[in-house]
Protein backbone atom coordinates (compact mmCIF):
# COMPACT_ATOMS: atom_id res chain seq x y z
CA MET A 1 121.94 122.12 95.89
CA ASN A 2 125.30 122.89 94.86
CA ILE A 3 128.12 120.91 96.43
CA ARG A 4 129.94 123.43 98.88
CA VAL A 5 132.72 123.26 101.50
CA LEU A 6 131.67 123.20 105.13
CA ASN A 7 131.68 126.58 106.45
CA PHE A 8 133.83 126.66 109.85
CA ASN A 9 133.71 130.52 110.56
CA SER A 10 130.84 130.55 113.20
CA ARG A 11 131.85 130.80 116.80
CA SER A 12 129.95 127.69 117.21
CA SER A 13 131.76 125.49 114.81
CA PHE A 14 135.39 126.13 116.77
CA LYS A 15 133.85 125.48 119.41
CA ARG A 16 132.89 121.81 118.26
CA VAL A 17 136.29 121.30 116.80
CA ALA A 18 137.72 122.34 120.00
CA ILE A 19 135.65 119.79 121.75
CA LEU A 20 136.43 117.32 119.35
CA ILE A 21 140.33 117.67 119.43
CA TRP A 22 140.30 115.96 122.57
CA PRO A 23 138.82 112.55 121.27
CA PHE A 24 140.61 113.04 118.02
CA LEU A 25 144.10 113.59 119.97
CA SER A 26 143.34 110.50 122.02
CA SER A 27 142.53 108.35 119.05
CA ILE A 28 145.86 108.90 117.73
CA CYS A 29 147.65 108.70 120.73
CA PHE A 30 145.83 104.73 121.17
CA PHE A 31 146.36 104.29 117.67
CA LEU A 32 150.09 104.47 118.20
CA TYR A 33 150.24 102.63 121.27
CA TRP A 34 148.69 99.68 119.54
CA MET A 35 151.20 99.86 116.86
CA GLU A 36 154.21 100.45 119.11
CA HIS A 37 153.21 98.92 122.08
CA ASP A 38 154.54 101.72 123.79
CA LYS A 39 152.82 102.27 127.16
CA ILE A 40 153.62 106.15 127.11
CA PHE A 41 151.03 106.92 124.28
CA SER A 42 148.37 104.95 126.23
CA TYR A 43 149.25 107.41 129.17
CA ILE A 44 148.91 110.59 127.16
CA GLY A 45 145.57 108.95 125.46
CA LEU A 46 144.70 108.34 128.40
CA LEU A 47 144.58 112.25 129.61
CA PHE A 48 143.18 113.59 126.11
CA TYR A 49 140.58 110.84 126.67
CA PHE A 50 139.31 111.59 130.22
CA ALA A 51 140.19 115.28 131.12
CA PRO A 52 137.49 116.62 128.93
CA VAL A 53 134.98 114.75 131.76
CA PHE A 54 136.37 117.17 134.47
CA PHE A 55 135.85 120.40 132.97
CA LEU A 56 133.19 120.23 130.14
CA ASN A 57 129.44 120.19 130.80
CA ILE A 58 127.20 116.92 130.35
CA TYR A 59 126.39 118.27 126.65
CA ASN A 60 129.87 118.40 125.48
CA CYS A 61 131.08 115.04 127.67
CA LEU A 62 128.46 113.06 125.42
CA SER A 63 129.83 114.88 122.26
CA VAL A 64 133.43 113.14 122.89
CA TYR A 65 131.84 109.82 123.87
CA TYR A 66 129.65 109.25 120.76
CA PHE A 67 133.18 110.13 119.00
CA ILE A 68 134.43 107.70 120.28
CA LEU A 69 131.77 105.31 120.31
CA PRO A 70 132.73 103.98 116.79
CA ASN A 71 135.67 102.69 117.87
CA ILE A 72 135.54 101.74 121.48
CA PRO A 73 137.67 98.45 121.19
CA MET A 74 140.97 100.35 120.60
CA PHE A 75 140.54 102.37 123.68
CA LYS A 76 141.78 99.63 126.04
CA LEU A 77 144.90 99.11 127.83
CA ASN A 78 145.23 95.69 126.55
CA THR A 79 143.32 93.10 124.82
CA ASP A 80 141.52 91.66 127.78
CA SER A 81 140.59 94.76 129.77
CA ILE A 82 137.55 96.92 130.12
CA ALA A 83 136.81 99.44 127.42
CA LEU A 84 137.57 102.80 128.77
CA SER A 85 134.17 104.13 127.97
CA SER A 86 133.18 102.19 130.26
CA PHE A 87 134.63 104.33 133.28
CA PHE A 88 133.97 107.44 131.23
CA LEU A 89 130.20 106.87 131.14
CA ILE A 90 130.04 106.36 134.79
CA ILE A 91 131.69 109.56 135.45
CA VAL A 92 129.07 111.65 133.16
CA PHE A 93 126.96 109.48 135.20
CA PHE A 94 127.51 110.72 138.43
CA LYS A 95 127.90 114.49 136.99
CA MET A 96 123.95 114.06 135.56
CA LEU A 97 122.78 113.10 139.09
CA LEU A 98 124.36 116.05 140.39
CA HIS A 99 122.79 118.50 137.85
CA LYS A 100 119.94 120.96 138.70
CA ASN A 101 118.06 120.65 135.83
CA LEU A 102 117.28 116.81 136.42
CA ARG A 103 114.02 115.29 137.27
CA ILE A 104 113.75 111.84 137.80
CA ASN A 105 111.10 109.84 135.65
CA LEU A 106 109.58 107.66 138.58
CA PRO A 107 107.36 105.32 135.89
CA PHE A 108 110.27 105.02 133.86
CA LEU A 109 112.90 104.16 136.70
CA PHE A 110 110.20 101.69 137.64
CA LEU A 111 110.74 99.82 134.34
CA LEU A 112 114.03 99.83 134.42
CA LEU A 113 113.92 98.29 138.37
CA LEU A 114 111.73 95.62 136.57
CA TYR A 115 114.11 94.67 133.75
CA PHE A 116 116.81 94.40 136.37
CA THR A 117 114.65 92.26 138.62
CA THR A 118 113.73 90.01 136.00
CA SER A 119 117.06 89.69 134.51
CA MET A 120 118.16 88.55 138.21
CA LEU A 121 115.36 86.12 137.98
CA THR A 122 116.57 84.87 134.63
CA TYR A 123 120.32 84.07 135.96
CA TYR A 124 118.83 82.34 138.86
CA PHE A 125 117.03 80.01 136.57
CA ALA A 126 119.90 79.71 134.39
CA GLN A 127 122.29 79.17 137.28
CA ASN A 128 124.77 81.99 135.44
CA SER A 129 127.83 83.72 137.35
CA LEU A 130 126.99 86.29 139.45
CA GLY A 131 129.50 88.19 136.99
CA VAL A 132 126.71 89.18 134.64
CA LEU A 133 125.51 91.45 137.36
CA THR A 134 128.08 94.12 135.87
CA GLN A 135 126.26 93.97 132.44
CA GLU A 136 122.84 94.46 133.82
CA ILE A 137 124.19 97.07 135.97
CA ARG A 138 125.39 98.92 132.62
CA VAL A 139 122.44 98.24 131.14
CA VAL A 140 120.47 100.41 133.32
CA ILE A 141 122.85 102.90 134.13
CA ASP A 142 123.19 103.49 130.08
CA ILE A 143 119.56 103.67 129.71
CA PHE A 144 118.99 105.83 132.64
CA MET A 145 121.35 108.07 131.20
CA VAL A 146 119.51 108.57 128.40
CA ILE A 147 116.27 109.68 130.00
CA CYS A 148 118.72 111.89 131.99
CA VAL A 149 119.64 113.46 129.01
CA LEU A 150 116.13 113.92 127.65
CA GLU A 151 115.25 115.81 131.16
CA ILE A 152 117.96 118.10 131.27
CA TYR A 153 118.19 119.15 127.65
CA LYS A 154 114.22 119.01 126.96
CA ASP A 155 114.62 122.98 126.29
CA ASN A 156 117.52 122.28 123.71
CA LEU A 157 117.33 118.90 121.98
CA SER A 158 117.86 120.06 118.34
CA GLU A 159 121.10 121.90 119.30
CA PHE A 160 121.87 118.60 121.59
CA TYR A 161 121.00 116.47 118.63
CA ASN A 162 123.08 118.29 116.33
CA SER A 163 126.30 118.18 118.20
CA VAL A 164 126.19 114.50 118.97
CA SER A 165 125.24 113.45 115.58
CA ASN A 166 127.93 115.02 114.06
CA SER A 167 130.36 114.24 116.55
CA TYR A 168 129.71 110.35 115.92
CA ILE A 169 129.83 110.88 112.07
CA TYR A 170 133.18 112.38 112.53
CA GLY A 171 134.00 109.71 114.92
CA CYS A 172 133.57 107.03 112.21
CA LEU A 173 135.36 109.21 109.70
CA VAL A 174 138.46 108.79 111.97
CA ALA A 175 137.86 105.12 112.96
CA SER A 176 137.92 104.23 109.24
CA ILE A 177 141.12 106.01 108.58
CA ILE A 178 142.33 104.38 111.60
CA SER A 179 140.70 100.85 110.28
CA LEU A 180 142.55 101.13 107.28
CA LEU A 181 146.13 102.34 108.12
CA PHE A 182 146.68 99.57 110.90
CA PRO A 183 146.94 96.54 108.43
CA LEU A 184 148.92 98.74 105.96
CA LEU A 185 151.29 100.00 108.32
CA GLN A 186 151.88 96.75 109.37
CA GLY A 187 152.68 95.01 106.19
CA ASN A 188 149.40 93.58 105.15
CA LYS A 189 147.50 93.84 101.94
CA ILE A 190 144.50 95.53 102.60
CA SER A 191 142.76 93.47 99.66
CA GLY A 192 142.63 90.00 101.56
CA TYR A 193 142.02 91.93 105.20
CA ARG A 194 138.47 92.23 106.98
CA ILE A 195 138.76 96.20 108.04
CA GLU A 196 138.09 96.31 111.76
CA ALA A 197 138.45 98.48 114.45
CA ILE A 198 141.68 97.63 116.88
CA ASN A 199 140.96 94.63 119.09
CA GLY A 200 137.25 94.77 117.38
CA ASP A 201 134.71 92.82 115.32
CA PRO A 202 134.32 93.63 111.47
CA ASN A 203 130.65 92.95 111.80
CA TYR A 204 129.98 95.52 114.81
CA PHE A 205 132.45 98.17 113.08
CA SER A 206 130.63 97.94 109.91
CA LEU A 207 127.29 98.54 111.63
CA CYS A 208 128.85 101.57 113.49
CA LEU A 209 129.83 102.64 109.86
CA ALA A 210 126.67 102.05 108.26
CA PHE A 211 124.62 103.84 111.01
CA GLY A 212 127.30 107.13 110.55
CA ILE A 213 125.92 106.92 106.75
CA SER A 214 122.43 107.13 107.83
CA LEU A 215 123.01 110.22 110.11
CA LEU A 216 125.06 111.45 107.49
CA LEU A 217 122.59 111.24 104.49
CA LEU A 218 120.01 112.74 107.01
CA GLU A 219 122.32 115.92 107.40
CA ILE A 220 122.45 115.86 103.37
CA TYR A 221 119.17 115.61 102.75
CA GLN A 222 118.65 118.95 105.18
CA LYS A 223 121.70 120.73 104.41
CA GLY A 224 122.48 119.52 100.58
CA PHE A 225 125.84 117.97 99.80
CA THR A 226 129.23 119.75 101.20
CA SER A 227 132.61 118.31 100.06
CA ILE A 228 133.33 117.30 103.49
CA TYR A 229 129.93 115.18 103.72
CA LEU A 230 131.51 113.56 100.58
CA ILE A 231 134.45 112.65 101.40
CA ILE A 232 133.25 111.27 104.76
CA PHE A 233 130.60 109.18 102.89
CA ILE A 234 132.98 107.62 100.08
CA MET A 235 135.38 106.90 103.31
CA LEU A 236 132.73 104.82 105.23
CA LEU A 237 131.41 102.98 102.43
CA PHE A 238 134.64 101.82 101.42
CA SER A 239 135.61 100.60 105.31
CA GLY A 240 132.23 99.17 105.32
CA LEU A 241 132.98 97.13 102.31
CA MET A 242 136.32 96.29 103.09
CA SER A 243 134.99 94.82 106.35
CA MET A 244 133.71 91.82 104.32
CA SER A 245 130.28 92.00 106.20
CA ARG A 246 127.26 90.41 105.10
CA GLY A 247 125.29 92.34 107.52
CA PHE A 248 126.48 95.70 106.18
CA LEU A 249 125.26 94.79 102.87
CA MET A 250 121.79 94.31 104.32
CA SER A 251 121.96 97.04 106.72
CA MET A 252 122.77 99.82 103.76
CA VAL A 253 119.88 98.40 101.36
CA ALA A 254 118.11 101.75 102.69
CA ASN A 255 121.16 104.08 103.06
CA ILE A 256 121.56 103.40 99.05
CA ILE A 257 118.08 103.88 98.22
CA LEU A 258 118.35 107.20 99.42
CA PHE A 259 121.47 107.86 98.73
CA CYS A 260 120.45 107.59 94.83
CA TYR A 261 117.12 109.83 95.54
CA LEU A 262 119.07 112.53 96.77
CA PHE A 263 121.79 112.22 93.98
CA CYS A 264 119.10 112.30 91.05
CA PHE A 265 116.30 114.29 92.31
CA LYS A 266 118.32 116.82 95.04
CA ILE A 267 121.36 118.08 93.40
CA LYS A 268 121.16 120.99 91.15
CA TYR A 269 123.27 119.51 88.37
CA SER A 270 122.18 119.52 84.77
CA ALA A 271 121.67 115.90 83.38
CA PHE A 272 124.72 116.57 81.41
CA LYS A 273 126.73 117.14 84.72
CA LYS A 274 125.19 114.43 86.11
CA LEU A 275 126.15 111.96 83.53
CA ILE A 276 130.04 112.93 83.79
CA VAL A 277 129.83 112.52 87.45
CA ILE A 278 128.60 108.41 86.50
CA LEU A 279 131.08 108.36 83.51
CA ILE A 280 133.52 109.24 86.30
CA PHE A 281 132.25 106.70 88.34
CA VAL A 282 132.04 103.81 86.14
CA THR A 283 135.76 104.70 84.79
CA ILE A 284 136.95 104.06 88.74
CA ILE A 285 134.90 100.77 89.05
CA ILE A 286 137.04 100.09 85.40
CA ILE A 287 140.52 100.80 87.10
CA LEU A 288 139.86 99.13 90.27
CA ASN A 289 138.03 95.55 88.65
CA ASP A 290 140.76 93.60 89.89
CA PHE A 291 140.48 94.57 93.34
CA LEU A 292 136.66 95.11 93.27
CA SER A 293 136.56 91.08 91.56
CA LEU A 294 138.84 90.04 94.47
CA LEU A 295 136.42 91.67 97.43
CA ILE A 296 133.46 90.21 95.24
CA LYS A 297 134.58 86.85 95.68
CA ASN A 298 135.27 87.30 99.46
CA TYR A 299 131.90 88.46 99.94
CA GLU A 300 131.04 85.19 97.99
CA ASN A 301 132.99 82.99 99.96
CA ARG A 302 131.79 84.23 103.44
CA ILE A 303 127.93 84.17 102.12
CA PHE A 304 127.86 80.57 100.81
CA SER A 305 130.55 79.17 102.92
CA GLU A 306 128.92 76.94 105.67
CA GLU A 307 132.22 76.90 107.61
CA THR A 308 131.59 80.07 108.95
CA SER A 309 129.05 81.16 111.86
CA GLY A 310 127.46 82.66 108.55
CA GLY A 311 125.10 81.67 105.85
CA SER A 312 123.43 78.50 106.46
CA GLY A 313 125.69 78.16 109.76
CA ARG A 314 124.17 81.05 111.34
CA ILE A 315 120.58 79.79 110.68
CA GLU A 316 121.39 76.64 112.15
CA ILE A 317 122.49 78.54 115.20
CA TRP A 318 118.94 80.28 115.31
CA LYS A 319 117.63 76.83 115.23
CA MET A 320 119.37 75.69 117.80
CA TYR A 321 118.49 78.79 119.97
CA LEU A 322 114.85 78.51 119.71
CA ASN A 323 114.74 74.78 120.11
CA ASP A 324 116.25 75.50 123.35
CA ALA A 325 113.94 78.24 124.56
CA PHE A 326 110.93 76.03 123.73
CA SER A 327 112.41 73.04 125.59
CA SER A 328 110.94 74.25 129.21
CA LEU A 329 108.19 76.72 130.42
CA VAL A 330 111.17 78.23 132.24
CA LYS A 331 113.47 79.33 129.39
CA LEU A 332 110.32 80.26 127.58
CA PHE A 333 109.57 82.45 129.90
CA PHE A 334 112.88 83.32 131.73
CA GLY A 335 115.10 82.84 129.14
CA SER A 336 118.41 81.14 129.32
CA GLY A 337 121.09 83.66 130.31
CA VAL A 338 124.20 83.69 129.05
CA PRO A 339 124.26 81.69 126.39
CA ASP A 340 126.51 78.23 126.13
CA LEU A 341 125.06 76.43 123.15
CA ILE A 342 127.56 74.53 121.16
CA SER A 343 126.89 75.08 117.21
CA PRO A 344 126.40 71.64 115.63
CA ILE A 345 128.43 72.57 112.54
CA THR A 346 131.82 74.30 114.16
CA GLY A 347 131.27 72.44 117.18
CA GLU A 348 131.98 76.09 119.04
CA ILE A 349 129.76 78.32 121.88
CA HIS A 350 128.27 80.52 119.82
CA VAL A 351 126.00 83.47 120.75
CA GLN A 352 123.01 84.16 119.09
CA HIS A 353 123.95 86.43 115.97
CA ASN A 354 120.73 87.98 116.17
CA ILE A 355 119.59 90.82 118.96
CA TYR A 356 116.08 89.79 119.19
CA LEU A 357 117.07 86.07 119.69
CA GLU A 358 119.43 87.44 121.91
CA LEU A 359 116.47 88.88 123.66
CA PHE A 360 113.89 86.23 123.65
CA THR A 361 116.16 83.27 124.26
CA GLY A 362 118.34 85.20 126.97
CA LYS A 363 115.87 87.00 128.25
CA GLY A 364 112.64 84.72 127.93
CA PHE A 365 109.19 86.11 127.22
CA ILE A 366 108.94 88.20 130.48
CA GLY A 367 112.03 90.10 129.93
CA THR A 368 111.34 90.41 125.97
CA VAL A 369 107.86 92.29 127.43
CA VAL A 370 109.95 94.57 129.99
CA ILE A 371 112.75 95.31 127.09
CA ILE A 372 109.82 96.32 124.25
CA LEU A 373 107.86 98.41 127.19
CA ILE A 374 111.38 100.45 128.45
CA TYR A 375 112.31 101.23 124.45
CA MET A 376 108.58 101.60 123.13
CA ASN A 377 108.52 104.46 126.53
CA LEU A 378 111.64 105.92 125.42
CA PHE A 379 110.71 106.66 121.63
CA ARG A 380 107.52 107.91 123.26
CA ILE A 381 109.34 110.14 125.60
CA THR A 382 111.87 111.69 123.11
CA LYS A 383 108.66 111.98 120.63
CA LYS A 384 106.54 114.19 123.26
CA LEU A 385 109.76 116.22 124.51
CA VAL A 386 110.88 117.00 120.41
CA GLY A 387 106.79 117.87 119.94
CA ASN A 388 106.04 116.14 116.82
CA LYS A 389 104.47 113.31 114.67
CA ILE A 390 106.71 111.30 112.13
CA ASN A 391 105.92 112.96 108.94
CA SER A 392 108.59 111.56 106.94
CA ILE A 393 110.12 108.18 106.03
CA VAL A 394 113.11 109.50 105.44
CA SER A 395 113.93 110.22 109.46
CA LEU A 396 113.02 106.64 109.75
CA ILE A 397 116.68 105.63 108.02
CA PRO A 398 118.77 105.24 111.12
CA VAL A 399 115.96 102.99 112.75
CA PHE A 400 116.09 100.54 109.31
CA THR A 401 119.63 100.51 109.38
CA LEU A 402 120.17 99.29 113.13
CA ALA A 403 116.89 97.13 112.96
CA ILE A 404 118.38 95.06 109.82
CA GLY A 405 122.01 95.30 111.14
CA PHE A 406 121.38 93.71 114.62
CA MET A 407 119.26 90.96 112.95
CA PHE A 408 122.93 89.68 112.56
CA LEU A 409 124.17 90.51 115.63
CA ASN A 410 124.17 91.01 119.27
CA GLY A 411 123.63 94.07 121.04
CA LEU A 412 121.26 93.95 123.79
CA VAL A 413 123.95 94.61 126.98
CA SER A 414 126.46 96.63 124.61
CA ASP A 415 127.15 100.20 124.67
CA VAL A 416 127.07 100.51 121.19
CA GLY A 417 123.66 98.57 120.80
CA ILE A 418 122.16 101.20 123.59
CA MET A 419 123.60 104.29 122.61
CA THR A 420 123.10 103.89 118.74
CA ILE A 421 119.48 103.06 119.58
CA PHE A 422 118.61 106.05 121.49
CA LEU A 423 120.65 108.14 118.84
CA SER A 424 117.98 106.34 116.21
CA PHE A 425 115.26 107.19 117.84
CA PHE A 426 116.66 110.85 118.78
CA ALA A 427 117.39 111.51 115.14
CA THR A 428 114.12 110.02 113.80
CA ASN A 429 112.10 112.57 116.10
CA ILE A 430 114.25 115.76 115.59
CA LYS A 431 114.49 115.14 111.57
CA SER A 432 111.17 114.56 111.26
CA LYS A 433 109.92 117.74 112.81
CA ILE A 434 112.41 119.76 110.79
CA PHE A 435 112.05 118.16 107.37
CA ALA A 436 110.71 119.96 104.97
CA PRO A 437 110.01 119.63 101.06
CA MET A 438 113.23 120.77 99.42
CA SER A 439 113.28 122.90 96.17
CA ASN A 440 114.91 121.46 93.36
């Protein structure tokens, strides 16, 4: 498996580039908007962002969306406004409802209505604001859209997956470059700066990158190394490390194991060439010794500091939410809704910092069962339409990455959470079907 240059000569490759030029130009415009605070850039960015949704089909609209997904917080008109991706998905949703191939999955629709009903009961007992209705409506729409996609493109799912997966990977690359340029152009020293999406959170951003690396490694496992894949891997890994997120380190465990396996057994390099590559890598580490030492020190401070929301502080937050969940039968079965508990360490309101606790303590036992049924059926439907058995543990890497990463983050009602979980299910089933033993 020789390292080769990615071929853009085919018509499909040119078509993909033509589609992704829209979100790419929009990304540049919004980057300039947040750098210069000139609204003309945001208006041009809006044009590039929304124009495709009116003349591209659903297939390509979702490719545009997945390109934007790793960098969603940047696409806002101000720091307090709703991300533009929500409006984008609503337009795509209505296009889906009008699609001639759409068939409504009634059992799954019933599950979504059951989820919405149990959520309303949760917020009624917890006496939360009705403003949370918008969150639950968005969750129902996002998951319903996923089912619609599977129904509409059930005869062409492999091609559809390749399109949205590659879009997401290239979106991660653009997001990484922007996240590195933004502090540098503002005069900040990158060595002491936590890399993140503009207006975003470094922990969510790093998980998006780790997931992008998982999808990238599946492509490498199937197709072999290309020069562009190698560049993307290095960029995503570097940006993820610069986020100084402990969750990134944990979620990258399976990725690093797979990368080492690919390097040792799937690249047609002689032992001598592999030794040269290792020596070059070690040389780079020596040259960057001061920078890497500072990076490691920053990680040590974040891991062992009790003043942050992580480390032992995060464990205390988890205990606090569990104690609250078991404080009454109503909370145990219907949950506490929107979190409002104050951390005993920081004295501030903290979310659960764990999607599993977010589900159990927020939705209660009943809501948890409903959500599990929804995702189990989503995985089952994907598996059935693809028509395969899970015959390769490698294809489960994206699922492992998200499962570990969300142990330290909330994401139950976020577009990032729902749409990446769907893509991980998709990746597992598509790649498991086409993976075959590769010749050495």
